[in-house]
Amino acid sequence: MQLNIRTVLAVITTVVVVCLLSGCAMSEAQKAEVAAAQEVELKGLIDQARDWSEDIVAQIPPAEVESISVELSGGPWQVYHSDEKLPGKYDWVNWVILLPDGPRTPTELADDLKPWLTEQGWVRNRDTESAARKESFERHYTRGPYFLTLEVYTAAPPQAQSFNFTVSTPQTDIEAQ
């Protein structure tokens, strides 16, 4: 039995129409439910990163700090010339400027945080760390699917005594609403 192209197209069209009419395709209500669930999940991921960032900041005595600024950044990456989105991550980025004549350097602060981070469940990941640069170095930690980067600037005063850290959420294809 030989099928011609019209017969094949008719069968495919019938299957697609039956599937759409019978509810095989996701309805608008189902799409809204999925979007709402994803929004709750995303908020939980971002809130956890924020909470851990605040916990780290709380370990730095205010008397040692000149300024602290925080920013949430990230999200899904838009594919060039397409509506497709690649998975993204969200970062709580924290810039801590220590007093130039304070009791600790940024390096000492990073060293002092290590035991506390370990107690909190952060595991150092030396395999992902790059070699130290002339004026800075990084330390990487993981906690479950989260990632923590400490960026420590080593330039002596009067250069700003900068200690930056970022808590990154797991990769997600969920969009922020």
Foldseek 3Di string as FASTA:
>chain_A
DDDDPVVVVVVVVVVVVVCVVVCVDPDPVNVVVVLVVLQVVVVVLVVVQVVVVVVLVVVDDPVFFPDKDWDKDKFWDQDPPDNDTHWMKIKTKMKTWTDLPGPDFQVVSVVVCVVVCVVVQWAWDVVPWDDADPFWGWTWTDHVQKIKIWIFGHDHPPPTRIIMMMIMGHTGNRGHD
